[in-house]
C-alpha atoms as a PDB file:
ATOM      1  CA  MET A   1     162.314  47.463 170.841  1.00  0.00           C
ATOM      2  CA  ARG A   2     160.436  47.807 174.065  1.00  0.00           C
ATOM      3  CA  ILE A   3     161.210  48.189 177.716  1.00  0.00           C
ATOM      4  CA  GLY A   4     158.291  47.787 180.048  1.00  0.00           C
ATOM      5  CA  ARG A   5     157.201  46.473 183.367  1.00  0.00           C
ATOM      6  CA  LYS A   6     158.919  43.046 182.921  1.00  0.00           C
ATOM      7  CA  ARG A   7     162.328  44.594 182.300  1.00  0.00           C
ATOM      8  CA  ALA A   8     161.933  47.077 185.073  1.00  0.00           C
ATOM      9  CA  ALA A   9     160.930  44.314 187.588  1.00  0.00           C
ATOM     10  CA  ALA A  10     164.184  42.581 186.725  1.00  0.00           C
ATOM     11  CA  VAL A  11     166.132  45.391 188.290  1.00  0.00           C
ATOM     12  CA  ASP A  12     166.464  44.199 191.898  1.00  0.00           C
ATOM     13  CA  ASP A  13     168.513  45.271 194.870  1.00  0.00           C
ATOM     14  CA  GLY A  14     171.608  43.742 193.412  1.00  0.00           C
ATOM     15  CA  VAL A  15     171.610  46.171 190.497  1.00  0.00           C
ATOM     16  CA  SER A  16     173.215  49.513 190.982  1.00  0.00           C
ATOM     17  CA  LEU A  17     173.130  50.988 187.462  1.00  0.00           C
ATOM     18  CA  VAL A  18     171.143  50.323 184.351  1.00  0.00           C
ATOM     19  CA  TYR A  19     172.693  51.329 181.019  1.00  0.00           C
ATOM     20  CA  LEU A  20     170.539  52.160 177.947  1.00  0.00           C
ATOM     21  CA  CYS A  21     171.746  53.443 174.611  1.00  0.00           C
ATOM     22  CA  ASN A  22     169.063  55.640 172.785  1.00  0.00           C
ATOM     23  CA  PRO A  23     169.133  55.722 169.903  1.00  0.00           C
ATOM     24  CA  ASN A  24     170.426  52.145 170.031  1.00  0.00           C
ATOM     25  CA  ASN A  25     173.703  50.816 168.647  1.00  0.00           C
ATOM     26  CA  PRO A  26     173.783  48.789 166.270  1.00  0.00           C
ATOM     27  CA  THR A  27     170.033  49.025 165.391  1.00  0.00           C
ATOM     28  CA  GLY A  28     169.568  52.759 165.149  1.00  0.00           C
ATOM     29  CA  LEU A  29     166.129  52.360 166.739  1.00  0.00           C
ATOM     30  CA  ALA A  30     164.976  54.938 169.381  1.00  0.00           C
ATOM     31  CA  LEU A  31     162.832  54.067 172.401  1.00  0.00           C
ATOM     32  CA  PRO A  32     159.694  56.198 172.647  1.00  0.00           C
ATOM     33  CA  ARG A  33     159.989  58.931 175.295  1.00  0.00           C
ATOM     34  CA  GLU A  34     156.913  57.706 177.124  1.00  0.00           C
ATOM     35  CA  GLN A  35     158.551  54.156 177.450  1.00  0.00           C
ATOM     36  CA  LEU A  36     161.636  55.567 178.817  1.00  0.00           C
ATOM     37  CA  ASP A  37     159.828  57.839 181.231  1.00  0.00           C
ATOM     38  CA  ALA A  38     157.837  54.925 182.569  1.00  0.00           C
ATOM     39  CA  PHE A  39     160.897  52.770 182.916  1.00  0.00           C
ATOM     40  CA  ILE A  40     162.732  55.541 184.821  1.00  0.00           C
ATOM     41  CA  ASP A  41     159.687  56.000 187.131  1.00  0.00           C
ATOM     42  CA  ARG A  42     159.938  52.381 188.112  1.00  0.00           C
ATOM     43  CA  VAL A  43     163.672  51.867 188.171  1.00  0.00           C
ATOM     44  CA  ALA A  44     165.383  55.068 189.208  1.00  0.00           C
ATOM     45  CA  PRO A  45     164.227  54.933 192.969  1.00  0.00           C
ATOM     46  CA  ARG A  46     166.515  51.953 193.379  1.00  0.00           C
ATOM     47  CA  ALA A  47     169.224  52.181 190.692  1.00  0.00           C
ATOM     48  CA  VAL A  48     170.996  54.695 188.594  1.00  0.00           C
ATOM     49  CA  VAL A  49     169.671  54.852 184.995  1.00  0.00           C
ATOM     50  CA  LEU A  50     172.413  55.855 182.557  1.00  0.00           C
ATOM     51  CA  ILE A  51     171.096  56.956 179.179  1.00  0.00           C
ATOM     52  CA  ASP A  52     173.823  57.044 176.426  1.00  0.00           C
ATOM     53  CA  GLU A  53     172.596  59.701 173.944  1.00  0.00           C
ATOM     54  CA  ALA A  54     175.715  59.375 171.626  1.00  0.00           C
ATOM     55  CA  TYR A  55     173.395  59.427 168.638  1.00  0.00           C
ATOM     56  CA  ASN A  56     170.729  61.785 170.019  1.00  0.00           C
ATOM     57  CA  GLU A  57     171.828  64.807 168.016  1.00  0.00           C
ATOM     58  CA  LEU A  58     171.351  62.878 164.756  1.00  0.00           C
ATOM     59  CA  ALA A  59     167.764  61.974 165.481  1.00  0.00           C
ATOM     60  CA  ALA A  60     164.897  63.563 163.777  1.00  0.00           C
ATOM     61  CA  ASP A  61     163.696  65.308 167.044  1.00  0.00           C
ATOM     62  CA  PRO A  62     166.594  65.278 169.452  1.00  0.00           C
ATOM     63  CA  ALA A  63     164.840  67.258 172.218  1.00  0.00           C
ATOM     64  CA  ALA A  64     161.785  64.907 172.060  1.00  0.00           C
ATOM     65  CA  GLN A  65     163.850  61.859 172.633  1.00  0.00           C
ATOM     66  CA  SER A  66     166.290  63.108 175.184  1.00  0.00           C
ATOM     67  CA  MET A  67     165.941  62.336 178.907  1.00  0.00           C
ATOM     68  CA  LEU A  68     167.643  65.528 179.945  1.00  0.00           C
ATOM     69  CA  HIS A  69     164.330  66.670 181.522  1.00  0.00           C
ATOM     70  CA  ARG A  70     164.725  63.771 184.129  1.00  0.00           C
ATOM     71  CA  VAL A  71     168.198  65.086 185.033  1.00  0.00           C
ATOM     72  CA  GLN A  72     166.760  68.555 185.459  1.00  0.00           C
ATOM     73  CA  ALA A  73     163.978  67.109 187.705  1.00  0.00           C
ATOM     74  CA  GLY A  74     166.723  65.704 190.041  1.00  0.00           C
ATOM     75  CA  ASP A  75     165.943  62.024 189.214  1.00  0.00           C
ATOM     76  CA  ASN A  76     168.472  59.262 189.674  1.00  0.00           C
ATOM     77  CA  VAL A  77     169.477  59.683 185.942  1.00  0.00           C
ATOM     78  CA  ILE A  78     172.730  60.344 184.049  1.00  0.00           C
ATOM     79  CA  VAL A  79     172.656  61.403 180.470  1.00  0.00           C
ATOM     80  CA  THR A  80     175.866  61.089 178.490  1.00  0.00           C
ATOM     81  CA  ARG A  81     176.922  62.393 175.032  1.00  0.00           C
ATOM     82  CA  THR A  82     179.984  62.377 172.903  1.00  0.00           C
ATOM     83  CA  PHE A  83     181.855  64.540 170.377  1.00  0.00           C
ATOM     84  CA  SER A  84     182.640  61.418 168.350  1.00  0.00           C
ATOM     85  CA  LYS A  85     179.479  61.416 166.202  1.00  0.00           C
ATOM     86  CA  ILE A  86     177.752  64.471 164.935  1.00  0.00           C
ATOM     87  CA  HIS A  87     180.728  66.677 165.817  1.00  0.00           C
ATOM     88  CA  GLY A  88     183.192  64.371 163.953  1.00  0.00           C
ATOM     89  CA  LEU A  89     185.852  64.445 166.778  1.00  0.00           C
ATOM     90  CA  ALA A  90     186.155  60.720 167.408  1.00  0.00           C
ATOM     91  CA  GLY A  91     189.977  61.043 167.566  1.00  0.00           C
ATOM     92  CA  LEU A  92     189.842  63.293 170.503  1.00  0.00           C
ATOM     93  CA  ARG A  93     187.880  60.725 172.672  1.00  0.00           C
ATOM     94  CA  ILE A  94     185.920  63.333 174.573  1.00  0.00           C
ATOM     95  CA  GLY A  95     182.259  63.608 175.715  1.00  0.00           C
ATOM     96  CA  TYR A  96     180.249  64.835 178.641  1.00  0.00           C
ATOM     97  CA  ALA A  97     177.792  63.748 181.280  1.00  0.00           C
ATOM     98  CA  MET A  98     174.796  65.533 182.716  1.00  0.00           C
ATOM     99  CA  ALA A  99     173.503  64.524 186.124  1.00  0.00           C
ATOM    100  CA  PRO A 100     171.833  65.882 189.282  1.00  0.00           C
ATOM    101  CA  PRO A 101     174.318  67.548 191.647  1.00  0.00           C
ATOM    102  CA  THR A 102     174.769  64.535 194.013  1.00  0.00           C
ATOM    103  CA  LEU A 103     175.457  62.162 191.060  1.00  0.00           C
ATOM    104  CA  ALA A 104     177.650  64.718 189.370  1.00  0.00           C
ATOM    105  CA  GLU A 105     179.841  64.971 192.546  1.00  0.00           C
ATOM    106  CA  THR A 106     180.238  61.166 192.584  1.00  0.00           C
ATOM    107  CA  LEU A 107     181.266  61.228 188.896  1.00  0.00           C
ATOM    108  CA  ARG A 108     183.704  63.979 189.597  1.00  0.00           C
ATOM    109  CA  GLN A 109     185.576  61.687 191.980  1.00  0.00           C
ATOM    110  CA  HIS A 110     186.432  59.413 189.042  1.00  0.00           C
ATOM    111  CA  VAL A 111     187.349  61.678 186.293  1.00  0.00           C
ATOM    112  CA  MET A 112     190.881  61.492 184.663  1.00  0.00           C
ATOM    113  CA  SER A 113     193.504  63.418 186.503  1.00  0.00           C
ATOM    114  CA  PHE A 114     195.045  65.091 183.384  1.00  0.00           C
ATOM    115  CA  PRO A 115     192.493  65.241 180.599  1.00  0.00           C
ATOM    116  CA  SER A 116     193.708  66.508 177.205  1.00  0.00           C
ATOM    117  CA  SER A 117     193.501  70.310 176.901  1.00  0.00           C
ATOM    118  CA  VAL A 118     193.631  70.004 173.101  1.00  0.00           C
ATOM    119  CA  ALA A 119     190.426  67.779 173.338  1.00  0.00           C
ATOM    120  CA  TYR A 120     188.750  70.301 175.510  1.00  0.00           C
ATOM    121  CA  ALA A 121     189.497  73.134 173.142  1.00  0.00           C
ATOM    122  CA  GLY A 122     188.273  71.238 170.211  1.00  0.00           C
ATOM    123  CA  ALA A 123     185.141  70.237 172.011  1.00  0.00           C
ATOM    124  CA  LEU A 124     184.264  73.736 173.009  1.00  0.00           C
ATOM    125  CA  ALA A 125     184.845  75.046 169.551  1.00  0.00           C
ATOM    126  CA  SER A 126     182.783  72.361 168.065  1.00  0.00           C
ATOM    127  CA  TYR A 127     179.893  72.761 170.430  1.00  0.00           C
ATOM    128  CA  ASP A 128     179.393  76.367 169.449  1.00  0.00           C
ATOM    129  CA  ASP A 129     179.668  75.608 165.683  1.00  0.00           C
ATOM    130  CA  ARG A 130     175.987  75.465 164.762  1.00  0.00           C
ATOM    131  CA  ALA A 131     176.686  75.698 161.004  1.00  0.00           C
ATOM    132  CA  PHE A 132     178.845  72.609 161.105  1.00  0.00           C
ATOM    133  CA  LEU A 133     176.294  70.621 163.058  1.00  0.00           C
ATOM    134  CA  GLN A 134     173.665  71.585 160.587  1.00  0.00           C
ATOM    135  CA  HIS A 135     175.934  70.485 157.787  1.00  0.00           C
ATOM    136  CA  SER A 136     176.598  67.120 159.557  1.00  0.00           C
ATOM    137  CA  ARG A 137     172.818  66.492 159.910  1.00  0.00           C
ATOM    138  CA  ARG A 138     172.242  67.230 156.306  1.00  0.00           C
ATOM    139  CA  MET A 139     175.094  65.062 155.096  1.00  0.00           C
ATOM    140  CA  VAL A 140     173.966  62.121 157.266  1.00  0.00           C
ATOM    141  CA  ALA A 141     170.371  62.541 156.090  1.00  0.00           C
ATOM    142  CA  GLU A 142     171.464  62.573 152.441  1.00  0.00           C
ATOM    143  CA  GLY A 143     173.648  59.471 152.934  1.00  0.00           C
ATOM    144  CA  ARG A 144     170.863  57.576 154.683  1.00  0.00           C
ATOM    145  CA  SER A 145     168.468  58.383 151.755  1.00  0.00           C
ATOM    146  CA  LEU A 146     170.971  57.154 149.247  1.00  0.00           C
ATOM    147  CA  VAL A 147     171.708  53.849 151.051  1.00  0.00           C
ATOM    148  CA  GLN A 148     168.091  53.166 151.957  1.00  0.00           C
ATOM    149  CA  GLU A 149     167.033  53.676 148.276  1.00  0.00           C
ATOM    150  CA  MET A 150     169.757  51.095 147.212  1.00  0.00           C
ATOM    151  CA  LEU A 151     168.599  48.621 149.854  1.00  0.00           C
ATOM    152  CA  ARG A 152     165.008  48.983 148.656  1.00  0.00           C
ATOM    153  CA  ARG A 153     166.131  48.415 145.100  1.00  0.00           C
ATOM    154  CA  ASN A 154     167.671  45.200 146.182  1.00  0.00           C
ATOM    155  CA  ARG A 155     164.774  44.330 148.433  1.00  0.00           C
ATOM    156  CA  VAL A 156     167.001  44.188 151.463  1.00  0.00           C
ATOM    157  CA  ARG A 157     165.186  44.685 154.755  1.00  0.00           C
ATOM    158  CA  TYR A 158     166.650  47.394 157.008  1.00  0.00           C
ATOM    159  CA  LEU A 159     165.474  49.115 160.359  1.00  0.00           C
ATOM    160  CA  PRO A 160     164.365  52.693 160.472  1.00  0.00           C
ATOM    161  CA  THR A 161     167.229  54.573 161.949  1.00  0.00           C
ATOM    162  CA  GLU A 162     167.740  57.622 164.047  1.00  0.00           C
ATOM    163  CA  ALA A 163     171.493  57.343 163.893  1.00  0.00           C
ATOM    164  CA  ASN A 164     174.394  57.742 161.331  1.00  0.00           C
ATOM    165  CA  PHE A 165     174.256  54.079 160.299  1.00  0.00           C
ATOM    166  CA  ILE A 166     171.688  51.663 158.890  1.00  0.00           C
ATOM    167  CA  TYR A 167     171.152  48.079 160.147  1.00  0.00           C
ATOM    168  CA  ALA A 168     170.161  45.755 157.402  1.00  0.00           C
ATOM    169  CA  ASP A 169     169.378  42.027 157.075  1.00  0.00           C
ATOM    170  CA  ILE A 170     171.310  40.990 154.016  1.00  0.00           C
ATOM    171  CA  GLY A 171     169.965  37.431 154.171  1.00  0.00           C
ATOM    172  CA  ARG A 172     173.378  35.699 154.327  1.00  0.00           C
ATOM    173  CA  ASP A 173     176.319  35.375 156.828  1.00  0.00           C
ATOM    174  CA  ALA A 174     177.345  38.904 157.469  1.00  0.00           C
ATOM    175  CA  ASP A 175     181.058  37.939 157.998  1.00  0.00           C
ATOM    176  CA  ALA A 176     181.152  36.268 154.533  1.00  0.00           C
ATOM    177  CA  PHE A 177     179.531  39.244 152.915  1.00  0.00           C
ATOM    178  CA  GLN A 178     181.915  41.592 154.775  1.00  0.00           C
ATOM    179  CA  ALA A 179     184.872  39.590 153.321  1.00  0.00           C
ATOM    180  CA  ALA A 180     183.349  39.795 149.797  1.00  0.00           C
ATOM    181  CA  MET A 181     182.900  43.552 150.121  1.00  0.00           C
ATOM    182  CA  LYS A 182     186.486  44.048 151.384  1.00  0.00           C
ATOM    183  CA  ALA A 183     187.829  42.187 148.490  1.00  0.00           C
ATOM    184  CA  GLU A 184     186.213  44.952 146.359  1.00  0.00           C
ATOM    185  CA  GLY A 185     187.849  47.605 148.495  1.00  0.00           C
ATOM    186  CA  VAL A 186     184.834  48.439 150.657  1.00  0.00           C
ATOM    187  CA  LEU A 187     184.722  47.962 154.515  1.00  0.00           C
ATOM    188  CA  ILE A 188     181.519  47.291 156.378  1.00  0.00           C
ATOM    189  CA  ARG A 189     180.835  45.684 159.744  1.00  0.00           C
ATOM    190  CA  GLY A 190     180.345  42.015 160.086  1.00  0.00           C
ATOM    191  CA  VAL A 191     178.230  40.000 162.582  1.00  0.00           C
ATOM    192  CA  TYR A 192     176.858  41.628 165.685  1.00  0.00           C
ATOM    193  CA  GLY A 193     176.165  39.014 168.424  1.00  0.00           C
ATOM    194  CA  PRO A 194     173.781  36.372 167.472  1.00  0.00           C
ATOM    195  CA  TYR A 195     172.242  38.301 164.452  1.00  0.00           C
ATOM    196  CA  ARG A 196     174.370  36.579 161.779  1.00  0.00           C
ATOM    197  CA  THR A 197     172.649  37.963 158.635  1.00  0.00           C
ATOM    198  CA  TRP A 198     172.528  41.545 159.865  1.00  0.00           C
ATOM    199  CA  SER A 199     175.222  44.144 159.004  1.00  0.00           C
ATOM    200  CA  ARG A 200     175.646  47.793 160.101  1.00  0.00           C
ATOM    201  CA  VAL A 201     176.524  50.357 157.399  1.00  0.00           C
ATOM    202  CA  SER A 202     177.864  53.706 158.651  1.00  0.00           C
ATOM    203  CA  MET A 203     177.331  56.939 156.723  1.00  0.00           C
ATOM    204  CA  GLY A 204     180.281  58.874 155.208  1.00  0.00           C
ATOM    205  CA  ARG A 205     180.938  61.166 152.302  1.00  0.00           C
ATOM    206  CA  LEU A 206     178.408  60.917 149.484  1.00  0.00           C
ATOM    207  CA  GLU A 207     181.097  59.880 146.972  1.00  0.00           C
ATOM    208  CA  ASP A 208     182.093  57.020 149.247  1.00  0.00           C
ATOM    209  CA  LEU A 209     178.472  55.990 149.768  1.00  0.00           C
ATOM    210  CA  GLU A 210     177.922  55.918 145.990  1.00  0.00           C
ATOM    211  CA  ARG A 211     180.881  53.708 145.543  1.00  0.00           C
ATOM    212  CA  PHE A 212     179.563  51.571 148.400  1.00  0.00           C
ATOM    213  CA  ALA A 213     176.079  51.302 146.689  1.00  0.00           C
ATOM    214  CA  GLU A 214     177.756  50.333 143.397  1.00  0.00           C
ATOM    215  CA  ILE A 215     179.810  47.555 145.041  1.00  0.00           C
ATOM    216  CA  PHE A 216     176.924  46.289 147.221  1.00  0.00           C
ATOM    217  CA  ASP A 217     174.737  45.983 144.053  1.00  0.00           C
ATOM    218  CA  ARG A 218     177.460  43.879 142.382  1.00  0.00           C
ATOM    219  CA  VAL A 219     178.374  41.663 145.324  1.00  0.00           C
ATOM    220  CA  TYR A 220     174.843  41.156 146.661  1.00  0.00           C
ATOM    221  CA  ASN A 221     173.340  40.172 143.216  1.00  0.00           C
ATOM    222  CA  ALA A 222     176.441  37.950 142.327  1.00  0.00           C
ATOM    223  CA  ARG A 223     175.916  36.016 145.533  1.00  0.00           C
ATOM    224  CA  ALA A 224     172.137  35.790 144.960  1.00  0.00           C
ATOM    225  CA  ALA A 225     172.628  34.478 141.390  1.00  0.00           C
END
């Protein structure tokens, strides 16, 4: 995954905002910092660059991948994050944006009139809970290792991930494979866009992932036979 001069040149005067998810969903791949910096250098003078860092805190080196330094430098950049991933608060539907003062003021004009006070309280408590965040990182890392080992055992190609999921090429129609897994009581994602043989597997509790690995082995090898 690369963004270079060609993509930057495609951002003309008719473009007001460029959205990038880093690490990416559904691939889990992360753009190198130097590529993002170069892209922002070329694009930010004429369009807002919004970097969605929903999965940043699950990366191996979150600070090295973040574009927060471009916000601090006053560039035309917005960085967004969510409490739905590493914090485990998806049900609260809450996140936050970081932007230079002028952009922040523009965003403030479009916020919800009556956001949930319960969501605010939960987010603030979670943000300060360093022990839980370390636990989340550890559990995701252990889950990734378990699933990656199972995929290697079955010679299934997968992408190196910086997120809480793994994107794998199962070599057959992902919707059909999803249905076969569902019949065994395991839910995974089906087809994403044009990539019909690729499926995304999210991390969860280790006991659930062990069950997933067992069923995947059986379904994958039964279809291959």
